[in-house]
């Protein structure tokens, strides 16, 4: 019950992530996977986040899709 109250007041802190998942060509992509092709899922709330394999970190707030000037690889730092 206390956890539900804290989540209601403060939201999820996204501290427990899944192992990074990379989508293959031809598979549908979520918004998180469309940024770098790889994403992680918060195991507490289910929200997906883009993941950068080169930097080995979660990208918490990617820019909006229409703000990206180049291909996905340019955002990922390639």
Protein backbone atom coordinates (compact mmCIF):
# COMPACT_ATOMS: atom_id res chain seq x y z
CA UNK A 1 0.00 0.00 0.00
CA UNK A 2 2.82 2.43 0.86
CA UNK A 3 4.44 1.79 -2.53
CA UNK A 4 1.19 2.64 -4.31
CA UNK A 5 0.94 5.89 -2.37
CA UNK A 6 4.51 6.86 -3.22
CA UNK A 7 3.94 6.02 -6.91
CA UNK A 8 0.76 8.09 -6.92
CA UNK A 9 2.57 11.09 -5.44
CA UNK A 10 5.95 10.89 -7.13
CA UNK A 11 5.61 8.45 -10.02
CA UNK A 12 8.04 5.73 -10.97
CA UNK A 13 11.77 6.35 -10.50
CA UNK A 14 12.70 3.88 -13.29
CA UNK A 15 15.51 2.13 -11.41
CA UNK A 16 14.88 -1.46 -12.57
CA UNK A 17 15.47 -1.97 -16.29
CA UNK A 18 15.28 -5.02 -18.50
CA UNK A 19 18.27 -6.15 -20.54
CA UNK A 20 18.52 -4.05 -23.74
CA UNK A 21 16.32 -5.36 -26.56
CA UNK A 22 17.23 -4.76 -30.21
CA UNK A 23 14.51 -5.04 -32.83
CA UNK A 24 15.24 -6.81 -36.10
CA UNK A 25 14.40 -5.45 -39.51
CA UNK A 26 10.81 -6.04 -40.45
CA UNK A 27 9.59 -6.11 -36.85
CA UNK A 28 7.30 -3.37 -35.63
CA UNK A 29 9.05 -0.73 -33.56
CA UNK A 30 7.79 1.20 -30.60
CA UNK A 31 8.58 4.89 -30.22
CA UNK A 32 11.50 4.02 -27.91
CA UNK A 33 12.95 1.46 -30.34
CA UNK A 34 12.65 3.83 -33.29
CA UNK A 35 15.25 6.22 -31.79
CA UNK A 36 18.27 3.89 -31.70
CA UNK A 37 16.81 0.50 -32.61
CA UNK A 38 17.43 -0.72 -29.06
CA UNK A 39 15.36 -0.12 -25.96
CA UNK A 40 14.95 -1.15 -22.32
CA UNK A 41 11.77 -1.51 -20.27
CA UNK A 42 11.25 -0.29 -16.72
CA UNK A 43 10.34 -3.46 -14.82
CA UNK A 44 8.32 -1.47 -12.29
CA UNK A 45 5.98 0.53 -14.55
CA UNK A 46 6.47 -0.91 -18.06
CA UNK A 47 7.61 2.29 -19.76
CA UNK A 48 10.07 1.84 -22.63
CA UNK A 49 13.23 3.94 -23.03
CA UNK A 50 15.67 4.17 -25.95
CA UNK A 51 19.07 2.63 -25.16
CA UNK A 52 22.41 3.62 -26.68
CA UNK A 53 24.71 0.57 -27.00
CA UNK A 54 27.81 2.67 -27.74
CA UNK A 55 27.42 4.79 -24.61
CA UNK A 56 25.82 1.86 -22.72
CA UNK A 57 23.18 4.07 -21.17
CA UNK A 58 19.47 4.80 -21.23
CA UNK A 59 18.37 7.85 -23.17
CA UNK A 60 15.76 9.27 -20.80
CA UNK A 61 14.22 12.03 -22.90
CA UNK A 62 14.84 11.66 -26.63
CA UNK A 63 13.96 14.61 -28.87
CA UNK A 64 10.58 14.49 -30.64
CA UNK A 65 10.61 12.47 -33.86
CA UNK A 66 9.98 15.54 -36.02
CA UNK A 67 12.97 17.35 -34.45
CA UNK A 68 15.49 14.78 -35.72
CA UNK A 69 17.20 16.17 -38.81
CA UNK A 70 19.03 13.06 -39.93
CA UNK A 71 18.69 9.30 -39.78
CA UNK A 72 18.48 7.48 -36.46
CA UNK A 73 22.20 6.68 -36.57
CA UNK A 74 23.10 10.39 -36.43
CA UNK A 75 21.21 10.74 -33.11
CA UNK A 76 22.87 7.65 -31.68
CA UNK A 77 26.26 9.26 -32.15
CA UNK A 78 27.49 7.09 -35.00
